[in-house]
Amino acid sequence: MIHDPVELRHLRYFLAVAEAGSFSRAADRLSVSQPNVSQQMRDLEGALRVSLFQRRGKRILLTSAGRIFEEHARSILRQMENFLQELTIEPGQMRGSLHLGVVPILNVALMPQLLGKFESTHPGVSLDVEEISSTDIETALEDGRMDLGFGFLTRHSPNLRYDRLCHDEFALIVHVSHPWAKRRMIDISELHQARMLQLADSYVMRRMSDVICRAHQVRPRTVAELNAIETLLRSLAPLRAAALMPKIALSGLTELVAIRLKGKDLSLEIGLLRLIDSGANSAASEFSKLARTAVPEIIKNRRTAVRSRR
């Protein structure tokens, strides 16, 4: 039983301490004094009659009760934020939430524009966008932890609906300083023993590129294997290497070029994934409708911009 009132301020201060692991750092983040934070946490523990923190040297850690309280505190503040947001929504506007999973390569290339367009017409919908792999998106959709996925259409799961938006093509991505940068086309056979940067095999793109190499009986020389797309792309120049990736990987990086490849089975589909029996989710349906119109246009404009730079 709570004997003293617990205020939203207590929850915010508690989460700041939990994240910072220190009363002083939490105070800096909150722009208040350390004694103020310490007093608020004493008041909170007194109201709850449980210990939320334990000291380990100079670091503040959560007790088992603290970890439970952390989960509920975040939920309460999130609900309050949603409630306050709903108060500003005009009557008749769509409300609700949308949990969207997107593969890394599309997150940078497409999501900013899509989110801007969606929010401008549906400000009452709370968006939760998570950048994860295609495999994890499919698993999250099947488990009911996600409403919509945005990525490459593998068509691996019989439980999911795959909605094609557009197609892309694997190309050789190089820095403008690379010896091949001015070439219009390269036969895949030339990639044998060529210096290449690879993604980790947890990426669907890596597995796709491996299939392409095996089909053409080439074995590039892997200079480095990285688990982040942006890091890989920014490493092409220093490592004097190339990457076998979809053209959309350029993501507006003007110092990189995508060279067309001569070979077979180089195309891939980009689209939306959704559980077949997911039921009616108006936010997911509206986002899907927007994506069908906007994604092809965004990609078309991006390709036009790339051609104009050449």
Protein backbone atom coordinates (compact mmCIF):
# COMPACT_ATOMS: atom_id res chain seq x y z
CA MET A 1 0.00 0.00 0.00
CA ILE A 2 1.32 3.47 -0.91
CA HIS A 3 1.09 5.88 2.01
CA ASP A 4 2.39 8.99 0.23
CA PRO A 5 1.48 10.11 -3.28
CA VAL A 6 3.79 9.05 -6.11
CA GLU A 7 4.03 11.81 -8.71
CA LEU A 8 5.11 11.73 -12.34
CA ARG A 9 8.19 13.70 -11.29
CA HIS A 10 9.25 10.73 -9.15
CA LEU A 11 8.99 8.42 -12.17
CA ARG A 12 11.05 10.73 -14.39
CA TYR A 13 13.75 11.15 -11.74
CA PHE A 14 13.81 7.41 -11.04
CA LEU A 15 14.27 6.54 -14.73
CA ALA A 16 17.01 9.14 -15.08
CA VAL A 17 18.93 7.56 -12.17
CA ALA A 18 18.32 4.04 -13.54
CA GLU A 19 19.70 5.03 -16.95
CA ALA A 20 22.63 7.10 -15.65
CA GLY A 21 23.63 4.74 -12.83
CA SER A 22 24.44 7.78 -10.73
CA PHE A 23 22.53 10.46 -8.81
CA SER A 24 24.94 13.17 -9.95
CA ARG A 25 24.75 12.25 -13.65
CA ALA A 26 20.95 11.99 -13.41
CA ALA A 27 20.88 15.46 -11.83
CA ASP A 28 22.92 16.84 -14.74
CA ARG A 29 20.52 15.32 -17.26
CA LEU A 30 17.51 16.71 -15.40
CA SER A 31 19.15 20.12 -14.82
CA VAL A 32 18.48 19.96 -11.08
CA SER A 33 20.71 19.60 -8.02
CA GLN A 34 21.96 16.22 -6.82
CA PRO A 35 20.42 16.68 -3.33
CA ASN A 36 17.07 17.26 -5.03
CA VAL A 37 17.34 13.96 -6.93
CA SER A 38 18.47 12.09 -3.80
CA GLN A 39 15.56 13.48 -1.78
CA GLN A 40 13.03 12.59 -4.47
CA MET A 41 14.31 9.00 -4.54
CA ARG A 42 14.14 8.74 -0.74
CA ASP A 43 10.56 9.99 -0.90
CA LEU A 44 9.75 7.45 -3.61
CA GLU A 45 11.25 4.52 -1.70
CA GLY A 46 9.42 5.71 1.42
CA ALA A 47 6.09 5.84 -0.40
CA LEU A 48 6.60 2.38 -1.92
CA ARG A 49 8.25 0.97 1.21
CA VAL A 50 10.79 -0.94 -0.86
CA SER A 51 14.44 -0.37 -1.76
CA LEU A 52 14.84 0.50 -5.42
CA PHE A 53 18.60 1.06 -5.52
CA GLN A 54 21.76 -0.60 -4.31
CA ARG A 55 25.29 0.79 -4.35
CA ARG A 56 28.18 -1.02 -6.07
CA GLY A 57 31.17 1.21 -5.48
CA LYS A 58 30.35 4.53 -7.12
CA ARG A 59 27.64 3.04 -9.30
CA ILE A 60 23.94 2.88 -8.48
CA LEU A 61 22.22 -0.35 -9.55
CA LEU A 62 18.57 -1.37 -9.40
CA THR A 63 17.33 -3.95 -6.93
CA SER A 64 14.95 -6.68 -8.11
CA ALA A 65 12.07 -4.45 -7.00
CA GLY A 66 13.70 -1.55 -8.83
CA ARG A 67 13.78 -3.48 -12.07
CA ILE A 68 10.09 -4.29 -11.75
CA PHE A 69 9.30 -0.66 -10.95
CA GLU A 70 11.38 0.50 -13.94
CA GLU A 71 9.24 -1.48 -16.38
CA HIS A 72 6.01 -0.08 -14.98
CA ALA A 73 7.35 3.47 -14.68
CA ARG A 74 8.22 3.50 -18.39
CA SER A 75 4.78 2.14 -19.24
CA ILE A 76 3.02 4.76 -17.12
CA LEU A 77 4.96 7.66 -18.63
CA ARG A 78 4.38 6.30 -22.13
CA GLN A 79 0.64 6.05 -21.47
CA MET A 80 0.61 9.58 -20.10
CA GLU A 81 2.42 10.88 -23.20
CA ASN A 82 -0.12 9.10 -25.42
CA PHE A 83 -2.97 10.56 -23.36
CA LEU A 84 -1.61 14.10 -23.62
CA GLN A 85 -1.08 13.61 -27.35
CA GLU A 86 -4.67 12.47 -27.81
CA LEU A 87 -5.93 15.66 -26.17
CA THR A 88 -4.41 17.64 -29.06
CA ILE A 89 -5.86 15.44 -31.80
CA GLU A 90 -8.70 16.90 -33.83
CA PRO A 91 -12.00 14.97 -33.78
CA GLY A 92 -12.17 12.43 -36.60
CA GLN A 93 -8.42 11.96 -36.89
CA MET A 94 -7.03 8.44 -36.75
CA ARG A 95 -5.72 7.33 -33.38
CA GLY A 96 -3.71 4.32 -32.27
CA SER A 97 -0.19 3.00 -32.57
CA LEU A 98 1.95 1.30 -35.20
CA HIS A 99 4.98 -0.87 -34.41
CA LEU A 100 7.02 -1.08 -37.57
CA GLY A 101 10.16 -3.14 -38.21
CA VAL A 102 12.55 -2.08 -40.98
CA VAL A 103 15.81 -3.54 -42.28
CA PRO A 104 18.82 -1.23 -41.82
CA ILE A 105 19.47 -0.49 -45.48
CA LEU A 106 15.91 0.80 -46.01
CA ASN A 107 15.73 2.67 -42.71
CA VAL A 108 18.12 5.38 -43.85
CA ALA A 109 17.10 5.37 -47.51
CA LEU A 110 13.32 5.49 -47.22
CA MET A 111 11.95 5.82 -43.69
CA PRO A 112 12.57 9.54 -43.02
CA GLN A 113 10.40 10.59 -45.96
CA LEU A 114 7.76 7.93 -45.28
CA LEU A 115 7.50 8.86 -41.61
CA GLY A 116 7.23 12.54 -42.47
CA LYS A 117 4.43 11.94 -44.95
CA PHE A 118 2.56 9.58 -42.59
CA GLU A 119 2.82 11.83 -39.53
CA SER A 120 1.63 14.87 -41.45
CA THR A 121 -1.65 13.14 -42.33
CA HIS A 122 -2.04 10.96 -39.21
CA PRO A 123 -0.59 12.90 -36.26
CA GLY A 124 -2.75 10.91 -33.84
CA VAL A 125 -0.92 7.64 -34.53
CA SER A 126 2.01 6.83 -32.27
CA LEU A 127 4.89 5.36 -34.31
CA ASP A 128 7.42 2.88 -32.95
CA VAL A 129 10.08 2.10 -35.57
CA GLU A 130 12.63 -0.63 -34.88
CA GLU A 131 15.64 -1.32 -37.09
CA ILE A 132 16.19 -5.09 -37.20
CA SER A 133 17.06 -7.86 -39.66
CA SER A 134 14.59 -9.41 -42.12
CA THR A 135 14.64 -12.68 -40.18
CA ASP A 136 13.85 -10.91 -36.90
CA ILE A 137 11.06 -8.94 -38.56
CA GLU A 138 9.39 -12.15 -39.73
CA THR A 139 9.72 -13.69 -36.25
CA ALA A 140 8.33 -10.57 -34.54
CA LEU A 141 5.34 -10.47 -36.90
CA GLU A 142 4.56 -14.13 -36.30
CA ASP A 143 4.84 -13.64 -32.52
CA GLY A 144 2.50 -10.65 -32.62
CA ARG A 145 5.17 -8.23 -31.36
CA MET A 146 5.07 -6.10 -34.50
CA ASP A 147 2.33 -4.79 -36.77
CA LEU A 148 4.17 -4.30 -40.03
CA GLY A 149 7.55 -5.10 -41.56
CA PHE A 150 9.43 -3.23 -44.26
CA GLY A 151 12.24 -5.03 -46.02
CA PHE A 152 13.23 -7.58 -48.63
CA LEU A 153 10.60 -10.11 -49.64
CA THR A 154 12.09 -13.54 -48.96
CA ARG A 155 8.69 -15.28 -48.95
CA HIS A 156 10.04 -17.73 -46.38
CA SER A 157 7.00 -17.83 -44.10
CA PRO A 158 3.59 -19.25 -45.04
CA ASN A 159 2.08 -17.20 -42.21
CA LEU A 160 2.98 -13.82 -43.69
CA ARG A 161 1.62 -11.71 -46.51
CA TYR A 162 4.33 -10.21 -48.73
CA ASP A 163 3.27 -7.01 -50.49
CA ARG A 164 5.70 -5.98 -53.24
CA LEU A 165 6.35 -2.23 -53.54
CA CYS A 166 9.25 -2.12 -55.99
CA HIS A 167 12.36 -4.01 -57.04
CA ASP A 168 16.06 -3.26 -56.79
CA GLU A 169 19.18 -4.85 -58.20
CA PHE A 170 22.52 -5.92 -56.78
CA ALA A 171 25.38 -3.73 -57.97
CA LEU A 172 29.02 -3.21 -57.16
CA ILE A 173 29.30 -0.33 -54.69
CA VAL A 174 32.66 1.47 -54.75
CA HIS A 175 34.14 4.79 -53.68
CA VAL A 176 34.75 7.34 -56.42
CA SER A 177 38.50 6.80 -55.93
CA HIS A 178 38.26 3.09 -56.75
CA PRO A 179 39.93 2.02 -60.06
CA TRP A 180 36.59 0.69 -61.32
CA ALA A 181 34.54 3.77 -60.34
CA LYS A 182 34.20 5.11 -63.90
CA ARG A 183 33.12 1.82 -65.44
CA ARG A 184 29.50 1.49 -66.57
CA MET A 185 29.28 -2.29 -66.21
CA ILE A 186 31.33 -5.12 -64.73
CA ASP A 187 30.96 -8.83 -65.43
CA ILE A 188 30.52 -10.72 -62.17
CA SER A 189 33.34 -13.05 -63.21
CA GLU A 190 35.71 -10.11 -62.61
CA LEU A 191 34.85 -10.19 -58.91
CA HIS A 192 36.85 -13.39 -58.41
CA GLN A 193 39.56 -12.55 -55.84
CA ALA A 194 38.55 -8.87 -55.94
CA ARG A 195 38.91 -6.97 -52.64
CA MET A 196 35.45 -6.96 -51.04
CA LEU A 197 33.83 -5.89 -47.79
CA GLN A 198 31.10 -8.21 -46.52
CA LEU A 199 28.24 -7.94 -44.06
CA ALA A 200 27.90 -10.57 -41.36
CA ASP A 201 25.99 -13.67 -42.47
CA SER A 202 23.11 -12.72 -40.16
CA TYR A 203 22.08 -10.23 -42.89
CA VAL A 204 19.74 -11.49 -45.60
CA MET A 205 21.67 -9.30 -48.06
CA ARG A 206 24.88 -11.18 -47.27
CA ARG A 207 23.22 -14.52 -47.84
CA MET A 208 21.78 -13.24 -51.12
CA SER A 209 25.18 -12.00 -52.30
CA ASP A 210 26.74 -15.36 -51.37
CA VAL A 211 24.15 -17.11 -53.55
CA ILE A 212 24.99 -14.79 -56.46
CA CYS A 213 28.72 -15.49 -56.11
CA ARG A 214 28.21 -19.24 -55.94
CA ALA A 215 25.91 -19.19 -58.96
CA HIS A 216 28.60 -17.41 -60.97
CA GLN A 217 31.42 -19.49 -59.49
CA VAL A 218 33.37 -16.51 -58.17
CA ARG A 219 35.06 -16.17 -54.80
CA PRO A 220 35.88 -12.58 -53.85
CA ARG A 221 38.65 -11.86 -51.39
CA THR A 222 36.99 -10.75 -48.15
CA VAL A 223 39.07 -7.92 -46.71
CA ALA A 224 36.79 -7.39 -43.71
CA GLU A 225 33.41 -8.54 -42.43
CA LEU A 226 31.31 -5.89 -40.68
CA ASN A 227 27.97 -5.95 -38.88
CA ALA A 228 26.86 -2.39 -39.70
CA ILE A 229 25.95 -1.18 -43.19
CA GLU A 230 26.95 2.45 -42.66
CA THR A 231 30.34 1.42 -41.27
CA LEU A 232 30.87 -0.88 -44.25
CA LEU A 233 30.06 1.84 -46.77
CA ARG A 234 32.32 4.37 -45.07
CA SER A 235 35.14 1.80 -45.00
CA LEU A 236 35.17 1.25 -48.78
CA ALA A 237 37.58 4.11 -49.45
CA PRO A 238 40.10 3.49 -46.62
CA LEU A 239 40.22 -0.25 -47.40
CA ARG A 240 40.25 0.25 -51.18
CA ALA A 241 37.51 -2.36 -51.53
CA ALA A 242 34.08 -2.87 -53.10
CA ALA A 243 30.78 -4.26 -51.85
CA LEU A 244 28.11 -6.37 -53.53
CA MET A 245 24.87 -4.77 -52.39
CA PRO A 246 21.54 -3.44 -53.71
CA LYS A 247 21.75 -0.04 -55.41
CA ILE A 248 19.59 1.52 -52.71
CA ALA A 249 22.54 1.08 -50.32
CA LEU A 250 24.00 4.33 -51.68
CA SER A 251 21.48 6.19 -49.48
CA GLY A 252 22.48 9.58 -50.85
CA LEU A 253 26.22 9.15 -50.19
CA THR A 254 27.66 11.22 -53.04
CA GLU A 255 31.18 9.80 -52.72
CA LEU A 256 29.98 6.31 -53.65
CA VAL A 257 28.82 4.91 -57.00
CA ALA A 258 26.85 1.80 -57.96
CA ILE A 259 28.26 -0.02 -60.98
CA ARG A 260 25.87 -2.21 -62.93
CA LEU A 261 26.72 -5.92 -62.95
CA LYS A 262 26.46 -8.33 -65.86
CA GLY A 263 25.06 -11.59 -64.55
CA LYS A 264 21.89 -13.48 -63.72
CA ASP A 265 19.39 -13.35 -60.84
CA LEU A 266 20.57 -9.99 -59.53
CA SER A 267 17.16 -8.47 -58.72
CA LEU A 268 15.36 -8.49 -55.40
CA GLU A 269 11.96 -7.28 -54.21
CA ILE A 270 11.31 -4.59 -51.61
CA GLY A 271 8.00 -4.49 -49.83
CA LEU A 272 5.82 -4.82 -46.75
CA LEU A 273 5.33 -7.88 -44.57
CA ARG A 274 2.28 -8.54 -42.43
CA LEU A 275 0.74 -11.48 -40.60
CA ILE A 276 -1.96 -13.05 -42.77
CA ASP A 277 -4.54 -13.23 -39.97
CA SER A 278 -3.42 -10.04 -38.21
CA GLY A 279 -6.92 -8.59 -38.29
CA ALA A 280 -7.87 -4.97 -38.88
CA ASN A 281 -5.23 -2.42 -37.97
CA SER A 282 -6.21 0.86 -39.58
CA ALA A 283 -2.79 2.44 -38.92
CA ALA A 284 -0.98 -0.45 -40.62
CA SER A 285 -3.40 -0.29 -43.54
CA GLU A 286 -2.90 3.46 -43.96
CA PHE A 287 0.89 3.14 -43.80
CA SER A 288 0.74 0.36 -46.41
CA LYS A 289 -1.38 2.54 -48.68
CA LEU A 290 1.07 5.42 -48.35
CA ALA A 291 4.10 3.18 -48.97
CA ARG A 292 2.62 1.74 -52.19
CA THR A 293 2.47 5.25 -53.62
CA ALA A 294 5.49 6.90 -52.03
CA VAL A 295 8.23 4.24 -52.15
CA PRO A 296 8.38 3.86 -55.96
CA GLU A 297 8.43 7.66 -56.26
CA ILE A 298 11.21 8.06 -53.67
CA ILE A 299 13.36 5.43 -55.39
CA LYS A 300 12.70 6.98 -58.82
CA ASN A 301 13.80 10.40 -57.55
CA ARG A 302 16.88 8.90 -55.92
CA ARG A 303 17.93 7.16 -59.15
CA THR A 304 17.39 10.36 -61.12
CA ALA A 305 19.60 12.25 -58.67
CA VAL A 306 22.33 9.61 -58.95
CA ARG A 307 22.29 9.76 -62.77
CA SER A 308 22.46 13.54 -62.72
CA ARG A 309 25.65 13.44 -60.62
CA ARG A 310 27.45 11.30 -63.19
